[in-house]
Amino acid sequence: LKDGADGRSVLEKWYHPIFLRLRDLRMPYITAVN
């Protein structure tokens, strides 16, 4: 909920890059929701 030392939130720093990398994967991606 606030900017970290580098001026970025945890969402911007961690979550967003992960979700974008999942979107751009060069392979199919399945979730098994257990």
Full PDB file with SEQRES, HELIX, SHEET, SSBOND, CRYST1, ORIGX, SCALE, CONECT and MASTER records, all heavy atoms in Angstrom:
SEQRES   1 A   34  LEU LYS ASP GLY ALA ASP GLY ARG SER VAL LEU GLU LYS          
SEQRES   2 A   34  TRP TYR HIS PRO ILE PHE LEU ARG LEU ARG ASP LEU ARG          
SEQRES   3 A   34  MET PRO TYR ILE THR ALA VAL ASN                              
HELIX    1 AA1 VAL A   10  VAL A   10  1                                   1    
HELIX    2 AA2 LEU A   11  TYR A   15  3                                   5    
HELIX    3 AA3 HIS A   16  ARG A   23  1                                   8    
CRYST1    1.000    1.000    1.000  90.00  90.00  90.00 P 1           1          
ORIGX1      1.000000  0.000000  0.000000        0.00000                         
ORIGX2      0.000000  1.000000  0.000000        0.00000                         
ORIGX3      0.000000  0.000000  1.000000        0.00000                         
SCALE1      1.000000  0.000000  0.000000        0.00000                         
SCALE2      0.000000  1.000000  0.000000        0.00000                         
SCALE3      0.000000  0.000000  1.000000        0.00000                         
ATOM      1  N   LEU A   1       0.802  -1.216   0.000  1.00  0.00           N  
ATOM      2  CA  LEU A   1       0.000   0.000   0.000  1.00  0.00           C  
ATOM      3  C   LEU A   1       0.836   1.267   0.000  1.00  0.00           C  
ATOM      4  O   LEU A   1       0.297   2.362   0.125  1.00  0.00           O  
ATOM      5  CB  LEU A   1      -0.933  -0.008   1.218  1.00  0.00           C  
ATOM      6  CG  LEU A   1      -1.878  -1.214   1.296  1.00  0.00           C  
ATOM      7  CD1 LEU A   1      -2.743  -1.120   2.533  1.00  0.00           C  
ATOM      8  CD2 LEU A   1      -2.739  -1.274   0.048  1.00  0.00           C  
ATOM      9  N   LYS A   2       2.133   1.142  -0.129  1.00  0.00           N  
ATOM     10  CA  LYS A   2       2.967   2.335  -0.165  1.00  0.00           C  
ATOM     11  C   LYS A   2       4.194   2.075  -1.018  1.00  0.00           C  
ATOM     12  O   LYS A   2       4.520   0.934  -1.336  1.00  0.00           O  
ATOM     13  CB  LYS A   2       3.388   2.736   1.247  1.00  0.00           C  
ATOM     14  CG  LYS A   2       4.331   1.735   1.920  1.00  0.00           C  
ATOM     15  CD  LYS A   2       4.740   2.205   3.312  1.00  0.00           C  
ATOM     16  CE  LYS A   2       5.731   1.233   3.945  1.00  0.00           C  
ATOM     17  NZ  LYS A   2       6.172   1.685   5.271  1.00  0.00           N  
ATOM     18  N   ASP A   3       4.861   3.109  -1.408  1.00  0.00           N  
ATOM     19  CA  ASP A   3       6.077   2.947  -2.186  1.00  0.00           C  
ATOM     20  C   ASP A   3       7.204   2.461  -1.296  1.00  0.00           C  
ATOM     21  O   ASP A   3       7.369   2.925  -0.164  1.00  0.00           O  
ATOM     22  CB  ASP A   3       6.484   4.280  -2.823  1.00  0.00           C  
ATOM     23  CG  ASP A   3       5.527   4.689  -3.922  1.00  0.00           C  
ATOM     24  OD1 ASP A   3       4.807   3.800  -4.414  1.00  0.00           O  
ATOM     25  OD2 ASP A   3       5.495   5.867  -4.289  1.00  0.00           O  
ATOM     26  N   GLY A   4       8.004   1.517  -1.798  1.00  0.00           N  
ATOM     27  CA  GLY A   4       9.168   1.038  -1.069  1.00  0.00           C  
ATOM     28  C   GLY A   4      10.340   1.979  -1.266  1.00  0.00           C  
ATOM     29  O   GLY A   4      10.215   3.078  -1.807  1.00  0.00           O  
ATOM     30  N   ALA A   5      11.491   1.514  -0.851  1.00  0.00           N  
ATOM     31  CA  ALA A   5      12.692   2.351  -0.938  1.00  0.00           C  
ATOM     32  C   ALA A   5      13.026   2.738  -2.371  1.00  0.00           C  
ATOM     33  O   ALA A   5      13.599   3.790  -2.620  1.00  0.00           O  
ATOM     34  CB  ALA A   5      13.869   1.604  -0.305  1.00  0.00           C  
ATOM     35  N   ASP A   6      12.635   1.870  -3.327  1.00  0.00           N  
ATOM     36  CA  ASP A   6      12.927   2.159  -4.732  1.00  0.00           C  
ATOM     37  C   ASP A   6      11.772   2.876  -5.418  1.00  0.00           C  
ATOM     38  O   ASP A   6      11.757   3.028  -6.634  1.00  0.00           O  
ATOM     39  CB  ASP A   6      13.273   0.873  -5.490  1.00  0.00           C  
ATOM     40  CG  ASP A   6      12.132  -0.134  -5.465  1.00  0.00           C  
ATOM     41  OD1 ASP A   6      11.097   0.140  -4.820  1.00  0.00           O  
ATOM     42  OD2 ASP A   6      12.270  -1.187  -6.109  1.00  0.00           O  
ATOM     43  N   GLY A   7      10.778   3.301  -4.632  1.00  0.00           N  
ATOM     44  CA  GLY A   7       9.658   4.047  -5.195  1.00  0.00           C  
ATOM     45  C   GLY A   7       8.573   3.183  -5.800  1.00  0.00           C  
ATOM     46  O   GLY A   7       7.631   3.692  -6.393  1.00  0.00           O  
ATOM     47  N   ARG A   8       8.674   1.858  -5.646  1.00  0.00           N  
ATOM     48  CA  ARG A   8       7.684   0.963  -6.232  1.00  0.00           C  
ATOM     49  C   ARG A   8       6.945   0.190  -5.148  1.00  0.00           C  
ATOM     50  O   ARG A   8       7.522  -0.181  -4.135  1.00  0.00           O  
ATOM     51  CB  ARG A   8       8.350  -0.028  -7.193  1.00  0.00           C  
ATOM     52  CG  ARG A   8       8.970   0.619  -8.420  1.00  0.00           C  
ATOM     53  CD  ARG A   8       9.521  -0.451  -9.360  1.00  0.00           C  
ATOM     54  NE  ARG A   8      10.636  -1.173  -8.750  1.00  0.00           N  
ATOM     55  CZ  ARG A   8      11.151  -2.294  -9.263  1.00  0.00           C  
ATOM     56  NH1 ARG A   8      10.623  -2.817 -10.349  1.00  0.00           N  
ATOM     57  NH2 ARG A   8      12.178  -2.878  -8.666  1.00  0.00           N  
ATOM     58  N   SER A   9       5.663  -0.082  -5.379  1.00  0.00           N  
ATOM     59  CA  SER A   9       4.905  -0.941  -4.471  1.00  0.00           C  
ATOM     60  C   SER A   9       5.269  -2.390  -4.732  1.00  0.00           C  
ATOM     61  O   SER A   9       5.901  -2.727  -5.734  1.00  0.00           O  
ATOM     62  CB  SER A   9       3.400  -0.739  -4.705  1.00  0.00           C  
ATOM     63  OG  SER A   9       3.036  -1.258  -5.977  1.00  0.00           O  
ATOM     64  N   VAL A  10       4.870  -3.265  -3.823  1.00  0.00           N  
ATOM     65  CA  VAL A  10       5.105  -4.689  -4.019  1.00  0.00           C  
ATOM     66  C   VAL A  10       4.383  -5.191  -5.266  1.00  0.00           C  
ATOM     67  O   VAL A  10       4.895  -6.037  -6.013  1.00  0.00           O  
ATOM     68  CB  VAL A  10       4.668  -5.483  -2.774  1.00  0.00           C  
ATOM     69  CG1 VAL A  10       4.536  -6.957  -3.093  1.00  0.00           C  
ATOM     70  CG2 VAL A  10       5.674  -5.285  -1.654  1.00  0.00           C  
ATOM     71  N   LEU A  11       3.182  -4.667  -5.527  1.00  0.00           N  
ATOM     72  CA  LEU A  11       2.469  -5.054  -6.747  1.00  0.00           C  
ATOM     73  C   LEU A  11       3.301  -4.744  -7.983  1.00  0.00           C  
ATOM     74  O   LEU A  11       3.473  -5.588  -8.861  1.00  0.00           O  
ATOM     75  CB  LEU A  11       1.125  -4.324  -6.830  1.00  0.00           C  
ATOM     76  CG  LEU A  11       0.036  -4.762  -5.858  1.00  0.00           C  
ATOM     77  CD1 LEU A  11      -1.172  -3.852  -5.991  1.00  0.00           C  
ATOM     78  CD2 LEU A  11      -0.352  -6.214  -6.100  1.00  0.00           C  
ATOM     79  N   GLU A  12       3.803  -3.531  -8.038  1.00  0.00           N  
ATOM     80  CA  GLU A  12       4.577  -3.112  -9.206  1.00  0.00           C  
ATOM     81  C   GLU A  12       5.905  -3.849  -9.284  1.00  0.00           C  
ATOM     82  O   GLU A  12       6.354  -4.231 -10.375  1.00  0.00           O  
ATOM     83  CB  GLU A  12       4.800  -1.603  -9.154  1.00  0.00           C  
ATOM     84  CG  GLU A  12       5.486  -1.034 -10.383  1.00  0.00           C  
ATOM     85  CD  GLU A  12       5.688   0.468 -10.278  1.00  0.00           C  
ATOM     86  OE1 GLU A  12       5.398   1.048  -9.209  1.00  0.00           O  
ATOM     87  OE2 GLU A  12       6.152   1.065 -11.278  1.00  0.00           O  
ATOM     88  N   LYS A  13       6.548  -4.049  -8.148  1.00  0.00           N  
ATOM     89  CA  LYS A  13       7.885  -4.639  -8.133  1.00  0.00           C  
ATOM     90  C   LYS A  13       7.867  -6.143  -8.384  1.00  0.00           C  
ATOM     91  O   LYS A  13       8.728  -6.668  -9.114  1.00  0.00           O  
ATOM     92  CB  LYS A  13       8.549  -4.351  -6.786  1.00  0.00           C  
ATOM     93  CG  LYS A  13       9.966  -4.915  -6.659  1.00  0.00           C  
ATOM     94  CD  LYS A  13      10.579  -4.530  -5.310  1.00  0.00           C  
ATOM     95  CE  LYS A  13      11.997  -5.090  -5.164  1.00  0.00           C  
ATOM     96  NZ  LYS A  13      12.607  -4.708  -3.867  1.00  0.00           N  
ATOM     97  N   TRP A  14       6.900  -6.850  -7.778  1.00  0.00           N  
ATOM     98  CA  TRP A  14       6.914  -8.307  -7.823  1.00  0.00           C  
ATOM     99  C   TRP A  14       5.793  -8.907  -8.658  1.00  0.00           C  
ATOM    100  O   TRP A  14       6.039  -9.704  -9.569  1.00  0.00           O  
ATOM    101  CB  TRP A  14       6.827  -8.887  -6.403  1.00  0.00           C  
ATOM    102  CG  TRP A  14       8.020  -8.610  -5.543  1.00  0.00           C  
ATOM    103  CD1 TRP A  14       8.086  -7.778  -4.458  1.00  0.00           C  
ATOM    104  CD2 TRP A  14       9.333  -9.177  -5.677  1.00  0.00           C  
ATOM    105  NE1 TRP A  14       9.344  -7.790  -3.910  1.00  0.00           N  
ATOM    106  CE2 TRP A  14      10.130  -8.649  -4.645  1.00  0.00           C  
ATOM    107  CE3 TRP A  14       9.901 -10.089  -6.564  1.00  0.00           C  
ATOM    108  CZ2 TRP A  14      11.463  -9.000  -4.469  1.00  0.00           C  
ATOM    109  CZ3 TRP A  14      11.236 -10.436  -6.402  1.00  0.00           C  
ATOM    110  CH2 TRP A  14      11.998  -9.891  -5.369  1.00  0.00           C  
ATOM    111  N   TYR A  15       4.549  -8.564  -8.318  1.00  0.00           N  
ATOM    112  CA  TYR A  15       3.412  -9.222  -8.966  1.00  0.00           C  
ATOM    113  C   TYR A  15       3.337  -8.932 -10.460  1.00  0.00           C  
ATOM    114  O   TYR A  15       3.184  -9.854 -11.271  1.00  0.00           O  
ATOM    115  CB  TYR A  15       2.099  -8.795  -8.311  1.00  0.00           C  
ATOM    116  CG  TYR A  15       1.824  -9.389  -6.952  1.00  0.00           C  
ATOM    117  CD1 TYR A  15       2.204  -8.729  -5.788  1.00  0.00           C  
ATOM    118  CD2 TYR A  15       1.140 -10.594  -6.820  1.00  0.00           C  
ATOM    119  CE1 TYR A  15       1.932  -9.259  -4.532  1.00  0.00           C  
ATOM    120  CE2 TYR A  15       0.853 -11.129  -5.573  1.00  0.00           C  
ATOM    121  CZ  TYR A  15       1.255 -10.457  -4.434  1.00  0.00           C  
ATOM    122  OH  TYR A  15       0.979 -10.995  -3.199  1.00  0.00           O  
ATOM    123  N   HIS A  16       3.394  -7.658 -10.816  1.00  0.00           N  
ATOM    124  CA  HIS A  16       3.176  -7.306 -12.220  1.00  0.00           C  
ATOM    125  C   HIS A  16       4.169  -7.985 -13.159  1.00  0.00           C  
ATOM    126  O   HIS A  16       3.750  -8.552 -14.190  1.00  0.00           O  
ATOM    127  CB  HIS A  16       3.205  -5.785 -12.401  1.00  0.00           C  
ATOM    128  CG  HIS A  16       2.106  -5.085 -11.679  1.00  0.00           C  
ATOM    129  ND1 HIS A  16       1.972  -3.702 -11.653  1.00  0.00           N  
ATOM    130  CD2 HIS A  16       1.068  -5.563 -10.937  1.00  0.00           C  
ATOM    131  CE1 HIS A  16       0.916  -3.371 -10.936  1.00  0.00           C  
ATOM    132  NE2 HIS A  16       0.359  -4.476 -10.491  1.00  0.00           N  
ATOM    133  N   PRO A  17       5.467  -7.975 -12.876  1.00  0.00           N  
ATOM    134  CA  PRO A  17       6.389  -8.669 -13.779  1.00  0.00           C  
ATOM    135  C   PRO A  17       6.093 -10.161 -13.907  1.00  0.00           C  
ATOM    136  O   PRO A  17       6.227 -10.734 -14.995  1.00  0.00           O  
ATOM    137  CB  PRO A  17       7.759  -8.421 -13.132  1.00  0.00           C  
ATOM    138  CG  PRO A  17       7.593  -7.160 -12.355  1.00  0.00           C  
ATOM    139  CD  PRO A  17       6.198  -7.226 -11.822  1.00  0.00           C  
ATOM    140  N   ILE A  18       5.693 -10.794 -12.808  1.00  0.00           N  
ATOM    141  CA  ILE A  18       5.385 -12.232 -12.866  1.00  0.00           C  
ATOM    142  C   ILE A  18       4.178 -12.480 -13.772  1.00  0.00           C  
ATOM    143  O   ILE A  18       4.203 -13.363 -14.643  1.00  0.00           O  
ATOM    144  CB  ILE A  18       5.147 -12.798 -11.457  1.00  0.00           C  
ATOM    145  CG1 ILE A  18       6.455 -12.813 -10.663  1.00  0.00           C  
ATOM    146  CG2 ILE A  18       4.552 -14.206 -11.534  1.00  0.00           C  
ATOM    147  CD1 ILE A  18       6.277 -13.105  -9.183  1.00  0.00           C  
ATOM    148  N   PHE A  19       3.113 -11.699 -13.584  1.00  0.00           N  
ATOM    149  CA  PHE A  19       1.927 -11.889 -14.418  1.00  0.00           C  
ATOM    150  C   PHE A  19       2.222 -11.618 -15.893  1.00  0.00           C  
ATOM    151  O   PHE A  19       1.720 -12.326 -16.771  1.00  0.00           O  
ATOM    152  CB  PHE A  19       0.782 -10.990 -13.932  1.00  0.00           C  
ATOM    153  CG  PHE A  19       0.018 -11.564 -12.776  1.00  0.00           C  
ATOM    154  CD1 PHE A  19       0.145 -11.026 -11.504  1.00  0.00           C  
ATOM    155  CD2 PHE A  19      -0.821 -12.656 -12.950  1.00  0.00           C  
ATOM    156  CE1 PHE A  19      -0.555 -11.562 -10.430  1.00  0.00           C  
ATOM    157  CE2 PHE A  19      -1.527 -13.201 -11.882  1.00  0.00           C  
ATOM    158  CZ  PHE A  19      -1.386 -12.654 -10.622  1.00  0.00           C  
ATOM    159  N   LEU A  20       3.036 -10.620 -16.166  1.00  0.00           N  
ATOM    160  CA  LEU A  20       3.379 -10.319 -17.560  1.00  0.00           C  
ATOM    161  C   LEU A  20       4.243 -11.423 -18.165  1.00  0.00           C  
ATOM    162  O   LEU A  20       4.094 -11.762 -19.347  1.00  0.00           O  
ATOM    163  CB  LEU A  20       4.080  -8.969 -17.652  1.00  0.00           C  
ATOM    164  CG  LEU A  20       3.184  -7.759 -17.352  1.00  0.00           C  
ATOM    165  CD1 LEU A  20       4.001  -6.477 -17.332  1.00  0.00           C  
ATOM    166  CD2 LEU A  20       2.047  -7.654 -18.355  1.00  0.00           C  
ATOM    167  N   ARG A  21       5.116 -12.006 -17.373  1.00  0.00           N  
ATOM    168  CA  ARG A  21       5.935 -13.108 -17.883  1.00  0.00           C  
ATOM    169  C   ARG A  21       5.070 -14.347 -18.139  1.00  0.00           C  
ATOM    170  O   ARG A  21       5.296 -15.078 -19.115  1.00  0.00           O  
ATOM    171  CB  ARG A  21       7.076 -13.423 -16.913  1.00  0.00           C  
ATOM    172  CG  ARG A  21       8.120 -12.318 -16.863  1.00  0.00           C  
ATOM    173  CD  ARG A  21       9.156 -12.523 -15.773  1.00  0.00           C  
ATOM    174  NE  ARG A  21      10.175 -13.504 -16.160  1.00  0.00           N  
ATOM    175  CZ  ARG A  21      11.257 -13.746 -15.424  1.00  0.00           C  
ATOM    176  NH1 ARG A  21      11.435 -13.110 -14.260  1.00  0.00           N  
ATOM    177  NH2 ARG A  21      12.147 -14.633 -15.831  1.00  0.00           N  
ATOM    178  N   LEU A  22       4.086 -14.576 -17.298  1.00  0.00           N  
ATOM    179  CA  LEU A  22       3.159 -15.677 -17.546  1.00  0.00           C  
ATOM    180  C   LEU A  22       2.363 -15.430 -18.823  1.00  0.00           C  
ATOM    181  O   LEU A  22       2.159 -16.346 -19.627  1.00  0.00           O  
ATOM    182  CB  LEU A  22       2.213 -15.854 -16.357  1.00  0.00           C  
ATOM    183  CG  LEU A  22       2.829 -16.442 -15.091  1.00  0.00           C  
ATOM    184  CD1 LEU A  22       1.857 -16.316 -13.920  1.00  0.00           C  
ATOM    185  CD2 LEU A  22       3.232 -17.906 -15.295  1.00  0.00           C  
ATOM    186  N   ARG A  23       1.922 -14.213 -19.009  1.00  0.00           N  
ATOM    187  CA  ARG A  23       1.187 -13.882 -20.241  1.00  0.00           C  
ATOM    188  C   ARG A  23       2.032 -14.139 -21.481  1.00  0.00           C  
ATOM    189  O   ARG A  23       1.537 -14.612 -22.506  1.00  0.00           O  
ATOM    190  CB  ARG A  23       0.749 -12.415 -20.214  1.00  0.00           C  
ATOM    191  CG  ARG A  23      -0.053 -11.988 -21.439  1.00  0.00           C  
ATOM    192  CD  ARG A  23      -0.089 -10.480 -21.587  1.00  0.00           C  
ATOM    193  NE  ARG A  23       1.249  -9.932 -21.841  1.00  0.00           N  
ATOM    194  CZ  ARG A  23       1.502  -8.631 -21.967  1.00  0.00           C  
ATOM    195  NH1 ARG A  23       0.528  -7.751 -21.832  1.00  0.00           N  
ATOM    196  NH2 ARG A  23       2.730  -8.211 -22.211  1.00  0.00           N  
ATOM    197  N   ASP A  24       3.311 -13.806 -21.405  1.00  0.00           N  
ATOM    198  CA  ASP A  24       4.187 -13.862 -22.577  1.00  0.00           C  
ATOM    199  C   ASP A  24       4.924 -15.189 -22.734  1.00  0.00           C  
ATOM    200  O   ASP A  24       5.807 -15.312 -23.591  1.00  0.00           O  
ATOM    201  CB  ASP A  24       5.203 -12.712 -22.510  1.00  0.00           C  
ATOM    202  CG  ASP A  24       4.531 -11.351 -22.618  1.00  0.00           C  
ATOM    203  OD1 ASP A  24       3.417 -11.275 -23.158  1.00  0.00           O  
ATOM    204  OD2 ASP A  24       5.131 -10.352 -22.158  1.00  0.00           O  
ATOM    205  N   LEU A  25       4.595 -16.191 -21.925  1.00  0.00           N  
ATOM    206  CA  LEU A  25       5.248 -17.493 -22.034  1.00  0.00           C  
ATOM    207  C   LEU A  25       5.146 -18.044 -23.451  1.00  0.00           C  
ATOM    208  O   LEU A  25       4.106 -17.908 -24.104  1.00  0.00           O  
ATOM    209  CB  LEU A  25       4.594 -18.497 -21.090  1.00  0.00           C  
ATOM    210  CG  LEU A  25       5.108 -18.598 -19.662  1.00  0.00           C  
ATOM    211  CD1 LEU A  25       4.281 -19.648 -18.920  1.00  0.00           C  
ATOM    212  CD2 LEU A  25       6.582 -18.964 -19.612  1.00  0.00           C  
ATOM    213  N   ARG A  26       6.207 -18.710 -23.885  1.00  0.00           N  
ATOM    214  CA  ARG A  26       6.198 -19.333 -25.199  1.00  0.00           C  
ATOM    215  C   ARG A  26       5.811 -20.815 -25.090  1.00  0.00           C  
ATOM    216  O   ARG A  26       6.386 -21.671 -25.771  1.00  0.00           O  
ATOM    217  CB  ARG A  26       7.556 -19.147 -25.873  1.00  0.00           C  
ATOM    218  CG  ARG A  26       7.883 -17.687 -26.160  1.00  0.00           C  
ATOM    219  CD  ARG A  26       9.162 -17.536 -26.927  1.00  0.00           C  
ATOM    220  NE  ARG A  26       9.116 -18.200 -28.230  1.00  0.00           N  
ATOM    221  CZ  ARG A  26       8.539 -17.679 -29.315  1.00  0.00           C  
ATOM    222  NH1 ARG A  26       7.963 -16.503 -29.265  1.00  0.00           N  
ATOM    223  NH2 ARG A  26       8.549 -18.353 -30.459  1.00  0.00           N  
ATOM    224  N   MET A  27       4.872 -21.099 -24.214  1.00  0.00           N  
ATOM    225  CA  MET A  27       4.364 -22.457 -24.047  1.00  0.00           C  
ATOM    226  C   MET A  27       2.980 -22.368 -23.420  1.00  0.00           C  
ATOM    227  O   MET A  27       2.638 -21.367 -22.776  1.00  0.00           O  
ATOM    228  CB  MET A  27       5.293 -23.284 -23.142  1.00  0.00           C  
ATOM    229  CG  MET A  27       5.306 -22.849 -21.696  1.00  0.00           C  
ATOM    230  SD  MET A  27       6.517 -23.736 -20.667  1.00  0.00           S  
ATOM    231  CE  MET A  27       8.044 -22.942 -21.197  1.00  0.00           C  
ATOM    232  N   PRO A  28       2.147 -23.388 -23.593  1.00  0.00           N  
ATOM    233  CA  PRO A  28       0.848 -23.399 -22.921  1.00  0.00           C  
ATOM    234  C   PRO A  28       1.011 -23.452 -21.401  1.00  0.00           C  
ATOM    235  O   PRO A  28       1.995 -23.983 -20.887  1.00  0.00           O  
ATOM    236  CB  PRO A  28       0.187 -24.672 -23.456  1.00  0.00           C  
ATOM    237  CG  PRO A  28       0.915 -24.994 -24.708  1.00  0.00           C  
ATOM    238  CD  PRO A  28       2.322 -24.520 -24.500  1.00  0.00           C  
ATOM    239  N   TYR A  29       0.003 -22.942 -20.716  1.00  0.00           N  
ATOM    240  CA  TYR A  29       0.061 -22.764 -19.264  1.00  0.00           C  
ATOM    241  C   TYR A  29      -1.276 -23.216 -18.684  1.00  0.00           C  
ATOM    242  O   TYR A  29      -2.327 -22.707 -19.066  1.00  0.00           O  
ATOM    243  CB  TYR A  29       0.372 -21.293 -18.987  1.00  0.00           C  
ATOM    244  CG  TYR A  29       0.068 -20.726 -17.626  1.00  0.00           C  
ATOM    245  CD1 TYR A  29       0.222 -21.465 -16.464  1.00  0.00           C  
ATOM    246  CD2 TYR A  29      -0.349 -19.394 -17.497  1.00  0.00           C  
ATOM    247  CE1 TYR A  29      -0.050 -20.912 -15.230  1.00  0.00           C  
ATOM    248  CE2 TYR A  29      -0.613 -18.827 -16.270  1.00  0.00           C  
ATOM    249  CZ  TYR A  29      -0.474 -19.591 -15.136  1.00  0.00           C  
ATOM    250  OH  TYR A  29      -0.742 -19.041 -13.911  1.00  0.00           O  
ATOM    251  N   ILE A  30      -1.231 -24.204 -17.779  1.00  0.00           N  
ATOM    252  CA  ILE A  30      -2.427 -24.763 -17.152  1.00  0.00           C  
ATOM    253  C   ILE A  30      -2.375 -24.509 -15.645  1.00  0.00           C  
ATOM    254  O   ILE A  30      -1.322 -24.650 -15.027  1.00  0.00           O  
ATOM    255  CB  ILE A  30      -2.502 -26.293 -17.368  1.00  0.00           C  
ATOM    256  CG1 ILE A  30      -2.461 -26.646 -18.858  1.00  0.00           C  
ATOM    257  CG2 ILE A  30      -3.746 -26.885 -16.717  1.00  0.00           C  
ATOM    258  CD1 ILE A  30      -2.342 -28.151 -19.108  1.00  0.00           C  
ATOM    259  N   THR A  31      -3.514 -24.155 -15.058  1.00  0.00           N  
ATOM    260  CA  THR A  31      -3.595 -24.165 -13.597  1.00  0.00           C  
ATOM    261  C   THR A  31      -4.506 -25.308 -13.166  1.00  0.00           C  
ATOM    262  O   THR A  31      -5.579 -25.515 -13.730  1.00  0.00           O  
ATOM    263  CB  THR A  31      -4.127 -22.838 -13.023  1.00  0.00           C  
ATOM    264  OG1 THR A  31      -5.270 -22.393 -13.766  1.00  0.00           O  
ATOM    265  CG2 THR A  31      -3.054 -21.760 -13.065  1.00  0.00           C  
ATOM    266  N   ALA A  32      -4.040 -26.063 -12.164  1.00  0.00           N  
ATOM    267  CA  ALA A  32      -4.810 -27.146 -11.552  1.00  0.00           C  
ATOM    268  C   ALA A  32      -5.250 -26.639 -10.183  1.00  0.00           C  
ATOM    269  O   ALA A  32      -4.476 -26.670  -9.218  1.00  0.00           O  
ATOM    270  CB  ALA A  32      -3.970 -28.412 -11.434  1.00  0.00           C  
ATOM    271  N   VAL A  33      -6.472 -26.161 -10.099  1.00  0.00           N  
ATOM    272  CA  VAL A  33      -6.977 -25.498  -8.886  1.00  0.00           C  
ATOM    273  C   VAL A  33      -7.519 -26.579  -7.956  1.00  0.00           C  
ATOM    274  O   VAL A  33      -8.634 -27.064  -8.109  1.00  0.00           O  
ATOM    275  CB  VAL A  33      -8.055 -24.459  -9.240  1.00  0.00           C  
ATOM    276  CG1 VAL A  33      -8.489 -23.699  -7.979  1.00  0.00           C  
ATOM    277  CG2 VAL A  33      -7.526 -23.480 -10.285  1.00  0.00           C  
ATOM    278  N   ASN A  34      -6.703 -26.936  -6.989  1.00  0.00           N  
ATOM    279  CA  ASN A  34      -6.963 -28.082  -6.120  1.00  0.00           C  
ATOM    280  C   ASN A  34      -7.698 -27.730  -4.836  1.00  0.00           C  
ATOM    281  O   ASN A  34      -7.926 -28.595  -3.987  1.00  0.00           O  
ATOM    282  CB  ASN A  34      -5.643 -28.766  -5.749  1.00  0.00           C  
ATOM    283  CG  ASN A  34      -4.671 -27.795  -5.101  1.00  0.00           C  
ATOM    284  OD1 ASN A  34      -4.357 -26.760  -5.680  1.00  0.00           O  
ATOM    285  ND2 ASN A  34      -4.195 -28.117  -3.909  1.00  0.00           N  
TER     286      ASN A  34                                                      
MASTER        0    0    0    3    0    0    0    6  285    1    0    3          
END                                                                             
